[in-house]
Amino acid sequence: MPKQKTDKPGKVSETTTDMTAPLAALTAVSNDSKPVSLYDAETAMVLLEDALAQAAEDNASVTEEQLETAANAFLEATNAAKDAVERYCWLIFNRLARSDERKAQAKVWESKAKDLKTIAQQDESLAVRLKQKLLAFLDRREIAKLETTTFKLSARNNGGKQPLAVDEDYPIQDIAQFYPNLLRLEVDKDAVREFLENGGELPFARLEERGRSLVIKP
């Protein structure tokens, strides 16, 4: 706030501006040995700008000493702000560079992941085929269980629901006419299965034997 100087009691001769707070803030920024944040530097600069604007609005005077001190401190605050901007830029630059590097690595890993998935599928497919061959061998020899040096093999029937085979070429109109409760927009396989499991017979569907699997334990 502006201060008024008086030559005599009750007589105003001059109004000066109180620069204590702005100069203190600028001095704190310029004298700080640690890196100054951009926020602190800008806050100090804004305090001085507001004080000078208020002085101009109030027609208050600013002493030469105040102006010189303010100019030097403002310059220091400006330099501190530039240093802060420099640090910000380096941080942004480094983070973007690291982001680009990680994106590139992610693409490499994604490609490797696809290759590994393909290899894994090939391994699984081979293992399934080999198990099928072993199961066929045991079935041909009518061997239910077999032990080797390391493994125990047991051939058994699969559990769960029986596989359902539906003749997709069977006329849908005939199904709709004679078995409307088994239809929706497509053949309701759950309803067909239930119908067959309850002893019903259908010309377009049948329950098949459960498949067999090979269990291998160390």
Protein backbone atom coordinates (compact mmCIF):
# COMPACT_ATOMS: atom_id res chain seq x y z
CA MET A 1 0.00 0.00 0.00
CA PRO A 2 1.24 3.56 -0.67
CA LYS A 3 2.70 5.48 2.28
CA GLN A 4 2.25 9.24 2.73
CA LYS A 5 5.07 11.53 3.85
CA THR A 6 4.20 14.76 5.73
CA ASP A 7 6.31 17.89 6.31
CA LYS A 8 3.99 19.22 8.96
CA PRO A 9 1.20 17.63 10.95
CA GLY A 10 -1.90 17.26 8.78
CA LYS A 11 -0.13 18.35 5.56
CA VAL A 12 0.55 15.73 2.90
CA SER A 13 3.56 16.43 0.74
CA GLU A 14 4.35 13.14 -1.04
CA THR A 15 3.09 9.57 -1.42
CA THR A 16 5.60 6.71 -1.70
CA THR A 17 5.10 3.06 -2.52
CA ASP A 18 5.70 0.28 0.01
CA MET A 19 8.06 -2.11 -1.82
CA THR A 20 8.93 -4.21 1.23
CA ALA A 21 7.04 -7.39 0.32
CA PRO A 22 7.93 -7.47 -3.40
CA LEU A 23 11.62 -6.76 -2.75
CA ALA A 24 11.74 -9.35 0.02
CA ALA A 25 10.27 -11.97 -2.30
CA LEU A 26 12.67 -11.07 -5.11
CA THR A 27 15.64 -11.01 -2.76
CA ALA A 28 14.71 -14.43 -1.39
CA VAL A 29 14.64 -15.81 -4.91
CA SER A 30 17.89 -14.19 -6.02
CA ASN A 31 19.80 -15.15 -2.85
CA ASP A 32 18.61 -18.76 -2.71
CA SER A 33 21.54 -21.12 -3.21
CA LYS A 34 19.22 -23.96 -4.22
CA PRO A 35 17.50 -24.19 -7.60
CA VAL A 36 14.43 -21.97 -7.53
CA SER A 37 11.13 -23.35 -8.74
CA LEU A 38 9.42 -21.68 -11.64
CA TYR A 39 6.43 -20.98 -9.41
CA ASP A 40 8.50 -19.13 -6.77
CA ALA A 41 10.36 -17.07 -9.37
CA GLU A 42 7.18 -16.06 -11.14
CA THR A 43 5.41 -15.25 -7.86
CA ALA A 44 8.20 -12.84 -6.89
CA MET A 45 8.10 -11.18 -10.30
CA VAL A 46 4.33 -10.80 -10.17
CA LEU A 47 4.52 -9.19 -6.71
CA LEU A 48 6.86 -6.50 -8.04
CA GLU A 49 4.80 -5.95 -11.19
CA ASP A 50 1.63 -5.57 -9.11
CA ALA A 51 3.35 -3.13 -6.73
CA LEU A 52 4.61 -0.95 -9.59
CA ALA A 53 1.21 -1.03 -11.28
CA GLN A 54 -0.46 -0.01 -8.01
CA ALA A 55 2.04 2.81 -7.58
CA ALA A 56 1.26 4.13 -11.05
CA GLU A 57 -2.46 3.90 -10.38
CA ASP A 58 -2.11 5.78 -7.07
CA ASN A 59 0.34 8.34 -8.52
CA ALA A 60 2.78 7.24 -5.83
CA SER A 61 6.49 7.72 -6.17
CA VAL A 62 9.20 5.06 -6.18
CA THR A 63 12.65 6.07 -5.01
CA GLU A 64 15.73 5.60 -7.15
CA GLU A 65 17.12 3.21 -4.56
CA GLN A 66 13.94 1.16 -4.67
CA LEU A 67 13.99 1.07 -8.46
CA GLU A 68 17.64 0.00 -8.59
CA THR A 69 17.14 -2.70 -5.99
CA ALA A 70 13.97 -3.88 -7.69
CA ALA A 71 15.62 -3.95 -11.13
CA ASN A 72 18.56 -6.02 -9.89
CA ALA A 73 16.33 -8.40 -7.96
CA PHE A 74 13.92 -8.68 -10.89
CA LEU A 75 16.84 -9.56 -13.18
CA GLU A 76 17.96 -12.25 -10.75
CA ALA A 77 14.42 -13.59 -10.53
CA THR A 78 14.20 -13.58 -14.33
CA ASN A 79 17.43 -15.55 -14.55
CA ALA A 80 16.12 -17.95 -11.90
CA ALA A 81 12.95 -18.38 -13.94
CA LYS A 82 15.02 -19.06 -17.07
CA ASP A 83 17.03 -21.66 -15.16
CA ALA A 84 13.80 -23.26 -14.00
CA VAL A 85 12.50 -23.27 -17.56
CA GLU A 86 15.75 -24.90 -18.65
CA ARG A 87 15.27 -27.64 -16.07
CA TYR A 88 11.69 -28.13 -17.15
CA CYS A 89 12.77 -28.45 -20.78
CA TRP A 90 15.43 -31.02 -19.95
CA LEU A 91 12.97 -33.01 -17.88
CA ILE A 92 10.40 -32.95 -20.68
CA PHE A 93 13.03 -33.77 -23.31
CA ASN A 94 14.41 -36.69 -21.31
CA ARG A 95 10.97 -38.06 -20.49
CA LEU A 96 9.88 -37.89 -24.13
CA ALA A 97 13.11 -39.53 -25.24
CA ARG A 98 12.62 -42.29 -22.68
CA SER A 99 9.00 -42.66 -23.73
CA ASP A 100 10.03 -43.06 -27.39
CA GLU A 101 12.68 -45.58 -26.39
CA ARG A 102 10.19 -47.60 -24.37
CA LYS A 103 7.64 -47.49 -27.18
CA ALA A 104 10.29 -48.85 -29.54
CA GLN A 105 11.14 -51.56 -27.02
CA ALA A 106 7.45 -52.37 -26.65
CA LYS A 107 7.17 -52.89 -30.41
CA VAL A 108 10.15 -55.24 -30.33
CA TRP A 109 8.68 -57.11 -27.36
CA GLU A 110 5.29 -57.26 -29.07
CA SER A 111 6.90 -58.82 -32.13
CA LYS A 112 8.82 -61.25 -29.94
CA ALA A 113 5.65 -62.02 -28.00
CA LYS A 114 3.86 -62.93 -31.23
CA ASP A 115 6.75 -65.17 -32.23
CA LEU A 116 6.78 -66.81 -28.80
CA LYS A 117 3.01 -67.32 -28.96
CA THR A 118 3.37 -69.02 -32.34
CA ILE A 119 6.13 -71.26 -31.01
CA ALA A 120 4.06 -72.04 -27.91
CA GLN A 121 1.10 -73.00 -30.10
CA GLN A 122 3.35 -75.24 -32.18
CA ASP A 123 4.68 -76.91 -29.03
CA GLU A 124 1.16 -77.43 -27.71
CA SER A 125 -0.05 -78.81 -31.04
CA LEU A 126 2.83 -81.28 -31.18
CA ALA A 127 2.20 -82.38 -27.59
CA VAL A 128 -1.51 -82.93 -28.35
CA ARG A 129 -0.69 -85.03 -31.41
CA LEU A 130 1.82 -87.11 -29.46
CA LYS A 131 -0.71 -87.68 -26.67
CA GLN A 132 -3.26 -88.79 -29.24
CA LYS A 133 -0.76 -91.28 -30.65
CA LEU A 134 0.01 -92.62 -27.17
CA LEU A 135 -3.69 -92.91 -26.41
CA ALA A 136 -4.31 -94.74 -29.68
CA PHE A 137 -1.48 -97.14 -28.83
CA LEU A 138 -2.89 -97.87 -25.38
CA ASP A 139 -6.39 -98.35 -26.79
CA ARG A 140 -5.14 -100.74 -29.47
CA ARG A 141 -3.33 -102.77 -26.85
CA GLU A 142 -6.28 -102.43 -24.43
CA ILE A 143 -3.99 -100.99 -21.78
CA ALA A 144 -5.78 -98.78 -19.25
CA LYS A 145 -2.75 -97.91 -17.15
CA LEU A 146 0.96 -97.94 -17.76
CA GLU A 147 3.97 -96.95 -15.71
CA THR A 148 7.35 -95.99 -17.06
CA THR A 149 10.49 -95.12 -15.17
CA THR A 150 9.26 -91.59 -14.61
CA PHE A 151 5.61 -91.34 -15.62
CA LYS A 152 2.26 -92.92 -14.87
CA LEU A 153 -0.20 -93.05 -17.75
CA SER A 154 -3.92 -93.71 -17.50
CA ALA A 155 -6.36 -93.81 -20.40
CA ARG A 156 -9.86 -92.86 -19.39
CA ASN A 157 -13.15 -91.56 -20.70
CA ASN A 158 -13.70 -87.84 -20.63
CA GLY A 159 -16.26 -86.52 -18.19
CA GLY A 160 -18.81 -83.81 -18.72
CA LYS A 161 -21.49 -83.66 -21.39
CA GLN A 162 -21.39 -85.93 -24.39
CA PRO A 163 -20.33 -84.25 -27.63
CA LEU A 164 -23.36 -83.23 -29.67
CA ALA A 165 -23.35 -83.56 -33.46
CA VAL A 166 -26.05 -81.65 -35.33
CA ASP A 167 -26.63 -82.12 -39.05
CA GLU A 168 -26.41 -78.55 -40.25
CA ASP A 169 -27.83 -79.56 -43.65
CA TYR A 170 -31.05 -80.97 -42.19
CA PRO A 171 -34.04 -78.87 -43.41
CA ILE A 172 -34.72 -76.25 -40.80
CA GLN A 173 -38.38 -76.17 -41.87
CA ASP A 174 -38.84 -79.78 -40.80
CA ILE A 175 -37.30 -79.07 -37.43
CA ALA A 176 -39.57 -76.06 -37.01
CA GLN A 177 -42.62 -78.16 -37.93
CA PHE A 178 -41.99 -81.19 -35.73
CA TYR A 179 -39.74 -79.82 -32.95
CA PRO A 180 -40.54 -76.11 -32.60
CA ASN A 181 -39.49 -76.10 -28.95
CA LEU A 182 -35.92 -76.95 -30.01
CA LEU A 183 -35.50 -73.89 -32.21
CA ARG A 184 -34.45 -70.34 -31.79
CA LEU A 185 -32.76 -68.29 -34.48
CA GLU A 186 -30.42 -71.26 -34.75
CA VAL A 187 -30.59 -74.80 -33.48
CA ASP A 188 -30.76 -74.70 -29.68
CA LYS A 189 -28.07 -77.29 -28.97
CA ASP A 190 -28.73 -77.19 -25.23
CA ALA A 191 -32.39 -78.02 -25.82
CA VAL A 192 -31.47 -80.72 -28.35
CA ARG A 193 -29.02 -82.24 -25.90
CA GLU A 194 -31.60 -82.26 -23.11
CA PHE A 195 -34.18 -83.84 -25.43
CA LEU A 196 -31.75 -86.63 -26.40
CA GLU A 197 -30.55 -87.14 -22.83
CA ASN A 198 -34.17 -87.68 -21.80
CA GLY A 199 -34.45 -90.57 -24.28
CA GLY A 200 -35.83 -88.73 -27.28
CA GLU A 201 -34.74 -89.47 -30.85
CA LEU A 202 -34.06 -86.92 -33.55
CA PRO A 203 -33.33 -87.45 -37.24
CA PHE A 204 -30.90 -84.53 -37.35
CA ALA A 205 -28.93 -84.89 -34.12
CA ARG A 206 -27.49 -87.58 -31.92
CA LEU A 207 -25.36 -87.95 -28.82
CA GLU A 208 -21.88 -89.24 -29.55
CA GLU A 209 -19.46 -91.16 -27.40
CA ARG A 210 -17.31 -89.05 -25.12
CA GLY A 211 -13.76 -88.60 -26.25
CA ARG A 212 -10.77 -89.95 -24.40
CA SER A 213 -7.77 -88.18 -22.97
CA LEU A 214 -4.39 -89.15 -21.65
CA VAL A 215 -3.32 -88.05 -18.17
CA ILE A 216 0.44 -87.94 -17.57
CA LYS A 217 1.80 -87.42 -14.07
CA PRO A 218 5.45 -87.44 -12.97
